[in-house]
Amino acid sequence: MTSTVQPCRKKKRTKTLPLIAVVFVVVVAAVWEFGYVFEFEYPFWPTLWLAEQTRTPDGSRVTDLVRTRSGSSYAEQHWHHCTWCDVVYPHAPHMAVKVYINTNENDFYLFDWDGWHRKLLPLTVRTAKLVPELIPARSVVELVGDGGNPQLYQNDEPCLVVAQSSKR
């Protein structure tokens, strides 16, 4: 009689395992979506980690270039997905990334992260001057008229990196 009871228990366990897996996936997706909607940082960690590892065509890490050229006593960098920048700089075709230096909200640089090609492009003239190595060959930095937008960060001129026309 005991042999007929045990197979029933095994069947019961095998029925609950897929249910637990589905509940786990739904909970993880809900937490992820919650973080994305309320602009927490954790949904963007994988993308920001890749952006932080970006290298220039000559092999230098962008993180090291920002560190040495930022002009301030360097302590640390914080790479952040800037949803505000996505709104204020709508000309950026990809994801806006803001790099804080020394956790100072007034000392930062703005990049446009192209995740598909894994390239960082300057989003402002100030950033383009700091890291000119990010501007691809046969490309130019064009100023984007801000139209007197009061929401732009101070002393920032938005720019767009475009391929130079061959008709010149």
N, C-alpha and C. Protein backbone atom coordinates (compact mmCIF):
# COMPACT_ATOMS: atom_id res chain seq x y z
N MET A 1 0.81 -1.19 0.00
CA MET A 1 0.00 0.00 0.00
C MET A 1 0.86 1.26 0.00
N THR A 2 2.01 1.15 0.58
CA THR A 2 2.89 2.31 0.59
C THR A 2 3.42 2.63 -0.79
N SER A 3 3.53 1.63 -1.64
CA SER A 3 4.06 1.87 -2.98
C SER A 3 3.09 2.70 -3.83
N THR A 4 1.81 2.65 -3.57
CA THR A 4 0.86 3.45 -4.34
C THR A 4 0.79 4.88 -3.85
N VAL A 5 1.16 5.14 -2.61
CA VAL A 5 1.09 6.50 -2.06
C VAL A 5 2.26 7.35 -2.55
N GLN A 6 3.44 6.80 -2.63
CA GLN A 6 4.62 7.55 -3.02
C GLN A 6 4.55 8.09 -4.44
N PRO A 7 4.10 7.35 -5.43
CA PRO A 7 4.01 7.94 -6.77
C PRO A 7 3.07 9.14 -6.81
N CYS A 8 2.04 9.14 -6.00
CA CYS A 8 1.15 10.30 -5.97
C CYS A 8 1.88 11.54 -5.48
N ARG A 9 2.72 11.37 -4.47
CA ARG A 9 3.50 12.51 -3.95
C ARG A 9 4.46 13.03 -5.00
N LYS A 10 5.08 12.16 -5.73
CA LYS A 10 6.00 12.60 -6.78
C LYS A 10 5.26 13.39 -7.85
N LYS A 11 4.09 12.94 -8.22
CA LYS A 11 3.32 13.67 -9.22
C LYS A 11 2.93 15.05 -8.69
N LYS A 12 2.62 15.12 -7.43
CA LYS A 12 2.24 16.40 -6.85
C LYS A 12 3.41 17.38 -6.88
N ARG A 13 4.62 16.87 -6.57
CA ARG A 13 5.81 17.73 -6.61
C ARG A 13 6.11 18.20 -8.02
N THR A 14 5.97 17.34 -8.98
CA THR A 14 6.27 17.73 -10.35
C THR A 14 5.25 18.73 -10.89
N LYS A 15 4.05 18.75 -10.32
CA LYS A 15 3.06 19.74 -10.74
C LYS A 15 3.33 21.10 -10.12
N THR A 16 3.89 21.14 -8.91
CA THR A 16 4.13 22.42 -8.26
C THR A 16 5.41 23.09 -8.73
N LEU A 17 6.38 22.33 -9.20
CA LEU A 17 7.63 22.92 -9.66
C LEU A 17 7.43 23.90 -10.81
N PRO A 18 6.69 23.55 -11.87
CA PRO A 18 6.45 24.55 -12.93
C PRO A 18 5.68 25.77 -12.42
N LEU A 19 4.78 25.56 -11.49
CA LEU A 19 4.04 26.68 -10.93
C LEU A 19 4.96 27.63 -10.17
N ILE A 20 5.88 27.08 -9.41
CA ILE A 20 6.85 27.91 -8.68
C ILE A 20 7.73 28.66 -9.67
N ALA A 21 8.15 28.01 -10.73
CA ALA A 21 8.98 28.67 -11.74
C ALA A 21 8.24 29.82 -12.41
N VAL A 22 6.98 29.63 -12.74
CA VAL A 22 6.18 30.68 -13.37
C VAL A 22 5.99 31.85 -12.40
N VAL A 23 5.70 31.56 -11.15
CA VAL A 23 5.52 32.62 -10.16
C VAL A 23 6.83 33.40 -9.99
N PHE A 24 7.96 32.69 -9.95
CA PHE A 24 9.25 33.34 -9.83
C PHE A 24 9.51 34.29 -11.00
N VAL A 25 9.26 33.84 -12.21
CA VAL A 25 9.47 34.67 -13.40
C VAL A 25 8.56 35.90 -13.37
N VAL A 26 7.32 35.72 -12.98
CA VAL A 26 6.38 36.84 -12.91
C VAL A 26 6.82 37.86 -11.86
N VAL A 27 7.28 37.40 -10.71
CA VAL A 27 7.74 38.32 -9.66
C VAL A 27 8.98 39.08 -10.11
N VAL A 28 9.94 38.39 -10.71
CA VAL A 28 11.14 39.06 -11.20
C VAL A 28 10.78 40.10 -12.27
N ALA A 29 9.90 39.75 -13.19
CA ALA A 29 9.48 40.70 -14.23
C ALA A 29 8.76 41.90 -13.62
N ALA A 30 7.95 41.69 -12.61
CA ALA A 30 7.24 42.79 -11.96
C ALA A 30 8.21 43.73 -11.23
N VAL A 31 9.19 43.16 -10.54
CA VAL A 31 10.19 43.98 -9.84
C VAL A 31 11.01 44.76 -10.86
N TRP A 32 11.38 44.12 -11.96
CA TRP A 32 12.16 44.79 -13.01
C TRP A 32 11.36 45.95 -13.62
N GLU A 33 10.11 45.70 -13.95
CA GLU A 33 9.26 46.73 -14.54
C GLU A 33 9.01 47.87 -13.55
N PHE A 34 8.82 47.54 -12.28
CA PHE A 34 8.66 48.56 -11.25
C PHE A 34 9.88 49.48 -11.21
N GLY A 35 11.07 48.89 -11.24
CA GLY A 35 12.30 49.68 -11.24
C GLY A 35 12.44 50.53 -12.48
N TYR A 36 12.02 50.01 -13.61
CA TYR A 36 12.11 50.75 -14.86
C TYR A 36 11.14 51.94 -14.86
N VAL A 37 9.91 51.71 -14.43
CA VAL A 37 8.89 52.76 -14.44
C VAL A 37 9.24 53.87 -13.46
N PHE A 38 9.73 53.50 -12.28
CA PHE A 38 10.04 54.50 -11.27
C PHE A 38 11.49 54.96 -11.32
N GLU A 39 12.18 54.65 -12.43
CA GLU A 39 13.51 55.14 -12.74
C GLU A 39 14.55 54.81 -11.68
N PHE A 40 14.47 53.60 -11.16
CA PHE A 40 15.56 53.12 -10.31
C PHE A 40 16.72 52.76 -11.20
N GLU A 41 17.88 52.62 -10.60
CA GLU A 41 19.10 52.39 -11.36
C GLU A 41 19.29 50.93 -11.78
N TYR A 42 18.77 49.98 -11.03
CA TYR A 42 19.11 48.57 -11.27
C TYR A 42 18.68 48.01 -12.63
N PRO A 43 17.59 48.47 -13.27
CA PRO A 43 17.30 47.90 -14.60
C PRO A 43 18.35 48.29 -15.66
N PHE A 44 19.12 49.32 -15.39
CA PHE A 44 20.10 49.81 -16.37
C PHE A 44 21.52 49.35 -16.07
N TRP A 45 21.73 48.61 -14.98
CA TRP A 45 23.08 48.18 -14.62
C TRP A 45 23.81 47.45 -15.72
N PRO A 46 23.20 46.48 -16.40
CA PRO A 46 23.97 45.80 -17.46
C PRO A 46 24.40 46.75 -18.57
N THR A 47 23.51 47.63 -18.97
CA THR A 47 23.84 48.58 -20.03
C THR A 47 24.90 49.57 -19.58
N LEU A 48 24.76 50.08 -18.36
CA LEU A 48 25.74 51.03 -17.85
C LEU A 48 27.11 50.37 -17.66
N TRP A 49 27.12 49.11 -17.26
CA TRP A 49 28.39 48.41 -17.11
C TRP A 49 29.09 48.32 -18.46
N LEU A 50 28.33 47.99 -19.52
CA LEU A 50 28.93 47.93 -20.86
C LEU A 50 29.42 49.31 -21.31
N ALA A 51 28.65 50.35 -21.03
CA ALA A 51 29.06 51.70 -21.41
C ALA A 51 30.35 52.09 -20.67
N GLU A 52 30.44 51.71 -19.43
CA GLU A 52 31.62 52.04 -18.63
C GLU A 52 32.86 51.32 -19.13
N GLN A 53 32.70 50.18 -19.76
CA GLN A 53 33.83 49.39 -20.28
C GLN A 53 34.25 49.82 -21.69
N THR A 54 33.58 50.81 -22.27
CA THR A 54 33.84 51.22 -23.64
C THR A 54 35.28 51.71 -23.82
N ARG A 55 35.82 51.37 -24.96
CA ARG A 55 37.18 51.80 -25.31
C ARG A 55 37.13 52.65 -26.57
N THR A 56 38.08 53.56 -26.69
CA THR A 56 38.21 54.38 -27.89
C THR A 56 38.85 53.52 -28.98
N PRO A 57 38.86 54.00 -30.23
CA PRO A 57 39.47 53.20 -31.31
C PRO A 57 40.95 52.87 -31.06
N ASP A 58 41.66 53.71 -30.31
CA ASP A 58 43.08 53.41 -30.04
C ASP A 58 43.27 52.48 -28.84
N GLY A 59 42.16 52.06 -28.18
CA GLY A 59 42.25 51.09 -27.10
C GLY A 59 42.18 51.67 -25.70
N SER A 60 42.12 52.99 -25.56
CA SER A 60 42.05 53.60 -24.23
C SER A 60 40.65 53.46 -23.67
N ARG A 61 40.55 53.23 -22.38
CA ARG A 61 39.23 53.16 -21.74
C ARG A 61 38.70 54.57 -21.53
N VAL A 62 37.43 54.78 -21.83
CA VAL A 62 36.80 56.09 -21.66
C VAL A 62 36.82 56.49 -20.19
N THR A 63 36.64 55.52 -19.30
CA THR A 63 36.69 55.79 -17.87
C THR A 63 38.02 56.42 -17.47
N ASP A 64 39.11 55.89 -18.00
CA ASP A 64 40.43 56.44 -17.68
C ASP A 64 40.62 57.83 -18.26
N LEU A 65 40.12 58.05 -19.48
CA LEU A 65 40.25 59.37 -20.10
C LEU A 65 39.48 60.43 -19.31
N VAL A 66 38.27 60.09 -18.89
CA VAL A 66 37.47 61.03 -18.10
C VAL A 66 38.18 61.31 -16.77
N ARG A 67 38.76 60.27 -16.19
CA ARG A 67 39.46 60.42 -14.91
C ARG A 67 40.64 61.39 -15.04
N THR A 68 41.45 61.22 -16.07
CA THR A 68 42.65 62.05 -16.20
C THR A 68 42.36 63.45 -16.73
N ARG A 69 41.30 63.61 -17.49
CA ARG A 69 41.04 64.91 -18.12
C ARG A 69 39.96 65.74 -17.44
N SER A 70 39.35 65.24 -16.41
CA SER A 70 38.23 65.96 -15.80
C SER A 70 38.66 67.25 -15.11
N GLY A 71 39.92 67.37 -14.74
CA GLY A 71 40.41 68.63 -14.20
C GLY A 71 40.11 68.84 -12.73
N SER A 72 39.57 67.87 -12.07
CA SER A 72 39.31 68.01 -10.65
C SER A 72 40.07 66.92 -9.91
N SER A 73 40.19 67.08 -8.62
CA SER A 73 40.84 66.01 -7.87
C SER A 73 39.91 64.81 -7.90
N TYR A 74 40.36 63.78 -8.51
CA TYR A 74 39.50 62.64 -8.83
C TYR A 74 39.36 61.69 -7.65
N ALA A 75 38.15 61.30 -7.36
CA ALA A 75 37.90 60.27 -6.35
C ALA A 75 37.17 59.10 -6.98
N GLU A 76 36.06 59.35 -7.67
CA GLU A 76 35.28 58.26 -8.26
C GLU A 76 34.37 58.79 -9.36
N GLN A 77 33.82 57.83 -10.13
CA GLN A 77 32.85 58.15 -11.17
C GLN A 77 31.57 57.39 -10.88
N HIS A 78 30.46 57.99 -11.27
CA HIS A 78 29.19 57.29 -11.16
C HIS A 78 28.50 57.38 -12.52
N TRP A 79 28.31 56.24 -13.17
CA TRP A 79 27.65 56.18 -14.46
C TRP A 79 26.17 55.98 -14.21
N HIS A 80 25.36 56.82 -14.85
CA HIS A 80 23.94 56.89 -14.54
C HIS A 80 23.13 57.04 -15.82
N HIS A 81 22.03 56.29 -15.94
CA HIS A 81 21.11 56.52 -17.06
C HIS A 81 20.28 57.75 -16.72
N CYS A 82 20.36 58.75 -17.55
CA CYS A 82 19.73 60.04 -17.27
C CYS A 82 18.42 60.15 -18.04
N THR A 83 17.30 59.83 -17.39
CA THR A 83 16.02 59.95 -18.07
C THR A 83 15.67 61.42 -18.31
N TRP A 84 16.13 62.29 -17.44
CA TRP A 84 15.92 63.73 -17.65
C TRP A 84 16.63 64.16 -18.93
N CYS A 85 17.84 63.65 -19.15
CA CYS A 85 18.60 63.99 -20.37
C CYS A 85 17.91 63.45 -21.61
N ASP A 86 17.26 62.30 -21.50
CA ASP A 86 16.51 61.76 -22.64
C ASP A 86 15.42 62.73 -23.08
N VAL A 87 14.85 63.45 -22.13
CA VAL A 87 13.78 64.41 -22.43
C VAL A 87 14.37 65.73 -22.91
N VAL A 88 15.39 66.23 -22.22
CA VAL A 88 15.95 67.55 -22.52
C VAL A 88 16.80 67.53 -23.78
N TYR A 89 17.44 66.41 -24.07
CA TYR A 89 18.27 66.28 -25.26
C TYR A 89 17.62 65.25 -26.21
N PRO A 90 16.48 65.59 -26.80
CA PRO A 90 15.76 64.59 -27.61
C PRO A 90 16.47 64.24 -28.92
N HIS A 91 17.49 65.01 -29.29
CA HIS A 91 18.21 64.72 -30.53
C HIS A 91 19.09 63.48 -30.40
N ALA A 92 19.35 63.03 -29.17
CA ALA A 92 20.17 61.84 -28.97
C ALA A 92 19.40 60.61 -29.45
N PRO A 93 19.93 59.90 -30.42
CA PRO A 93 19.18 58.76 -30.97
C PRO A 93 19.19 57.51 -30.09
N HIS A 94 20.01 57.51 -29.04
CA HIS A 94 20.13 56.32 -28.20
C HIS A 94 19.85 56.69 -26.74
N MET A 95 20.49 56.02 -25.82
CA MET A 95 20.28 56.23 -24.39
C MET A 95 21.27 57.25 -23.84
N ALA A 96 20.76 58.24 -23.11
CA ALA A 96 21.62 59.25 -22.50
C ALA A 96 22.25 58.70 -21.23
N VAL A 97 23.58 58.89 -21.13
CA VAL A 97 24.33 58.43 -19.96
C VAL A 97 25.05 59.64 -19.37
N LYS A 98 24.89 59.81 -18.08
CA LYS A 98 25.51 60.93 -17.38
C LYS A 98 26.58 60.36 -16.45
N VAL A 99 27.78 60.91 -16.53
CA VAL A 99 28.88 60.45 -15.70
C VAL A 99 29.20 61.55 -14.69
N TYR A 100 28.90 61.26 -13.41
CA TYR A 100 29.23 62.19 -12.34
C TYR A 100 30.67 61.96 -11.91
N ILE A 101 31.37 63.04 -11.63
CA ILE A 101 32.73 62.96 -11.12
C ILE A 101 32.69 63.34 -9.64
N ASN A 102 33.29 62.52 -8.81
CA ASN A 102 33.36 62.78 -7.36
C ASN A 102 31.99 62.94 -6.73
N THR A 103 31.00 62.27 -7.26
CA THR A 103 29.61 62.33 -6.78
C THR A 103 29.12 63.77 -6.63
N ASN A 104 29.62 64.66 -7.46
CA ASN A 104 29.22 66.06 -7.46
C ASN A 104 28.23 66.26 -8.61
N GLU A 105 27.03 66.68 -8.30
CA GLU A 105 26.01 66.82 -9.34
C GLU A 105 26.31 67.95 -10.33
N ASN A 106 27.26 68.81 -10.02
CA ASN A 106 27.61 69.89 -10.93
C ASN A 106 28.82 69.55 -11.79
N ASP A 107 29.48 68.45 -11.53
CA ASP A 107 30.65 68.03 -12.28
C ASP A 107 30.30 66.73 -13.00
N PHE A 108 29.92 66.83 -14.27
CA PHE A 108 29.45 65.66 -15.01
C PHE A 108 29.72 65.82 -16.49
N TYR A 109 29.58 64.70 -17.20
CA TYR A 109 29.71 64.68 -18.66
C TYR A 109 28.56 63.84 -19.21
N LEU A 110 28.07 64.22 -20.38
CA LEU A 110 26.92 63.55 -20.98
C LEU A 110 27.34 62.81 -22.26
N PHE A 111 26.90 61.56 -22.34
CA PHE A 111 27.19 60.72 -23.49
C PHE A 111 25.90 60.14 -24.06
N ASP A 112 25.98 59.75 -25.31
CA ASP A 112 24.90 59.04 -25.98
C ASP A 112 25.41 57.61 -26.17
N TRP A 113 24.78 56.64 -25.50
CA TRP A 113 25.23 55.25 -25.55
C TRP A 113 24.47 54.49 -26.62
N ASP A 114 25.19 54.04 -27.63
CA ASP A 114 24.63 53.22 -28.69
C ASP A 114 24.92 51.77 -28.31
N GLY A 115 23.96 51.13 -27.68
CA GLY A 115 24.16 49.78 -27.18
C GLY A 115 24.30 48.74 -28.28
N TRP A 116 23.67 48.97 -29.42
CA TRP A 116 23.73 48.00 -30.51
C TRP A 116 25.15 47.88 -31.06
N HIS A 117 25.81 49.04 -31.24
CA HIS A 117 27.18 49.05 -31.77
C HIS A 117 28.22 49.18 -30.66
N ARG A 118 27.74 49.30 -29.42
CA ARG A 118 28.61 49.47 -28.24
C ARG A 118 29.58 50.63 -28.41
N LYS A 119 28.98 51.81 -28.66
CA LYS A 119 29.79 53.02 -28.83
C LYS A 119 29.22 54.13 -27.97
N LEU A 120 30.10 54.90 -27.38
CA LEU A 120 29.73 56.13 -26.68
C LEU A 120 30.00 57.29 -27.62
N LEU A 121 29.06 58.22 -27.68
CA LEU A 121 29.23 59.43 -28.46
C LEU A 121 28.98 60.61 -27.54
N PRO A 122 29.70 61.71 -27.73
CA PRO A 122 29.44 62.89 -26.90
C PRO A 122 28.05 63.45 -27.18
N LEU A 123 27.40 63.90 -26.13
CA LEU A 123 26.06 64.47 -26.25
C LEU A 123 26.10 66.00 -26.18
N THR A 124 27.21 66.53 -25.63
CA THR A 124 27.37 67.98 -25.52
C THR A 124 28.76 68.36 -26.03
N VAL A 125 28.91 69.63 -26.35
CA VAL A 125 30.20 70.14 -26.84
C VAL A 125 31.27 69.99 -25.76
N ARG A 126 30.90 70.24 -24.53
CA ARG A 126 31.84 70.12 -23.41
C ARG A 126 32.40 68.69 -23.33
N THR A 127 31.54 67.69 -23.50
CA THR A 127 31.98 66.30 -23.48
C THR A 127 32.81 65.97 -24.71
N ALA A 128 32.45 66.52 -25.86
CA ALA A 128 33.22 66.28 -27.09
C ALA A 128 34.62 66.86 -26.97
N LYS A 129 34.78 67.98 -26.29
CA LYS A 129 36.10 68.56 -26.08
C LYS A 129 36.92 67.74 -25.09
N LEU A 130 36.26 67.11 -24.14
CA LEU A 130 36.96 66.30 -23.15
C LEU A 130 37.49 65.01 -23.77
N VAL A 131 36.69 64.36 -24.59
CA VAL A 131 37.06 63.06 -25.16
C VAL A 131 36.86 63.10 -26.69
N PRO A 132 37.75 63.80 -27.41
CA PRO A 132 37.59 63.86 -28.87
C PRO A 132 37.83 62.51 -29.56
N GLU A 133 38.44 61.56 -28.85
CA GLU A 133 38.69 60.24 -29.44
C GLU A 133 37.41 59.48 -29.73
N LEU A 134 36.30 59.87 -29.10
CA LEU A 134 35.03 59.17 -29.31
C LEU A 134 34.36 59.56 -30.63
N ILE A 135 34.82 60.63 -31.24
CA ILE A 135 34.23 61.06 -32.51
C ILE A 135 34.82 60.20 -33.62
N PRO A 136 33.99 59.42 -34.31
CA PRO A 136 34.51 58.51 -35.34
C PRO A 136 35.19 59.26 -36.48
N ALA A 137 36.07 58.56 -37.18
CA ALA A 137 36.74 59.13 -38.35
C ALA A 137 35.69 59.53 -39.38
N ARG A 138 35.96 60.59 -40.09
CA ARG A 138 35.07 61.13 -41.12
C ARG A 138 33.71 61.53 -40.55
N SER A 139 33.71 61.99 -39.30
CA SER A 139 32.49 62.50 -38.67
C SER A 139 32.79 63.87 -38.09
N VAL A 140 31.75 64.66 -37.94
CA VAL A 140 31.90 65.99 -37.38
C VAL A 140 30.89 66.19 -36.25
N VAL A 141 31.20 67.16 -35.41
CA VAL A 141 30.30 67.52 -34.32
C VAL A 141 29.49 68.72 -34.78
N GLU A 142 28.19 68.55 -34.86
CA GLU A 142 27.31 69.65 -35.26
C GLU A 142 26.55 70.14 -34.04
N LEU A 143 26.52 71.46 -33.89
CA LEU A 143 25.73 72.03 -32.80
C LEU A 143 24.26 71.85 -33.10
N VAL A 144 23.52 71.55 -32.07
CA VAL A 144 22.07 71.43 -32.19
C VAL A 144 21.50 72.65 -31.50
N GLY A 145 20.71 73.43 -32.23
CA GLY A 145 20.15 74.63 -31.63
C GLY A 145 19.28 74.28 -30.43
N ASP A 146 19.58 74.91 -29.30
CA ASP A 146 18.79 74.60 -28.10
C ASP A 146 17.52 75.45 -28.03
N GLY A 147 17.42 76.47 -28.88
CA GLY A 147 16.21 77.28 -28.91
C GLY A 147 15.93 77.99 -27.60
N GLY A 148 16.99 78.32 -26.86
CA GLY A 148 16.81 79.00 -25.58
C GLY A 148 16.15 78.11 -24.54
N ASN A 149 16.35 76.81 -24.64
CA ASN A 149 15.75 75.86 -23.71
C ASN A 149 16.31 76.08 -22.31
N PRO A 150 15.51 76.52 -21.35
CA PRO A 150 16.02 76.78 -20.01
C PRO A 150 16.29 75.50 -19.22
N GLN A 151 15.89 74.35 -19.74
CA GLN A 151 16.09 73.11 -19.02
C GLN A 151 17.48 72.51 -19.23
N LEU A 152 18.24 73.01 -20.21
CA LEU A 152 19.57 72.48 -20.46
C LEU A 152 20.46 72.76 -19.26
N TYR A 153 21.40 71.86 -19.04
CA TYR A 153 22.36 72.08 -17.96
C TYR A 153 23.22 73.29 -18.27
N GLN A 154 23.72 73.92 -17.24
CA GLN A 154 24.48 75.15 -17.42
C GLN A 154 25.73 74.92 -18.27
N ASN A 155 26.02 75.87 -19.11
CA ASN A 155 27.19 75.87 -19.99
C ASN A 155 27.26 74.66 -20.92
N ASP A 156 26.15 74.05 -21.22
CA ASP A 156 26.14 72.92 -22.14
C ASP A 156 25.52 73.34 -23.46
N GLU A 157 26.19 72.95 -24.52
CA GLU A 157 25.64 73.13 -25.85
C GLU A 157 25.40 71.74 -26.42
N PRO A 158 24.16 71.39 -26.72
CA PRO A 158 23.92 70.07 -27.28
C PRO A 158 24.56 69.91 -28.65
N CYS A 159 25.05 68.72 -28.90
CA CYS A 159 25.67 68.46 -30.20
C CYS A 159 25.26 67.08 -30.68
N LEU A 160 25.52 66.86 -31.95
CA LEU A 160 25.21 65.59 -32.58
C LEU A 160 26.41 65.21 -33.44
N VAL A 161 26.87 63.98 -33.35
CA VAL A 161 27.99 63.51 -34.16
C VAL A 161 27.39 62.89 -35.42
N VAL A 162 27.74 63.48 -36.57
CA VAL A 162 27.21 63.01 -37.86
C VAL A 162 28.35 62.74 -38.82
N ALA A 163 28.11 61.84 -39.76
CA ALA A 163 29.10 61.51 -40.77
C ALA A 163 29.28 62.71 -41.70
N GLN A 164 30.50 63.01 -42.02
CA GLN A 164 30.82 64.13 -42.90
C GLN A 164 30.40 63.78 -44.33
N SER A 165 29.78 64.73 -45.01
CA SER A 165 29.34 64.45 -46.38
C SER A 165 30.53 64.34 -47.30
N SER A 166 30.42 63.51 -48.29
CA SER A 166 31.54 63.28 -49.23
C SER A 166 31.50 64.25 -50.41
N LYS A 167 30.58 65.20 -50.44
CA LYS A 167 30.45 66.13 -51.56
C LYS A 167 31.40 67.32 -51.46
N ARG A 168 32.17 67.43 -50.41
CA ARG A 168 33.04 68.59 -50.22
C ARG A 168 34.23 68.55 -51.10
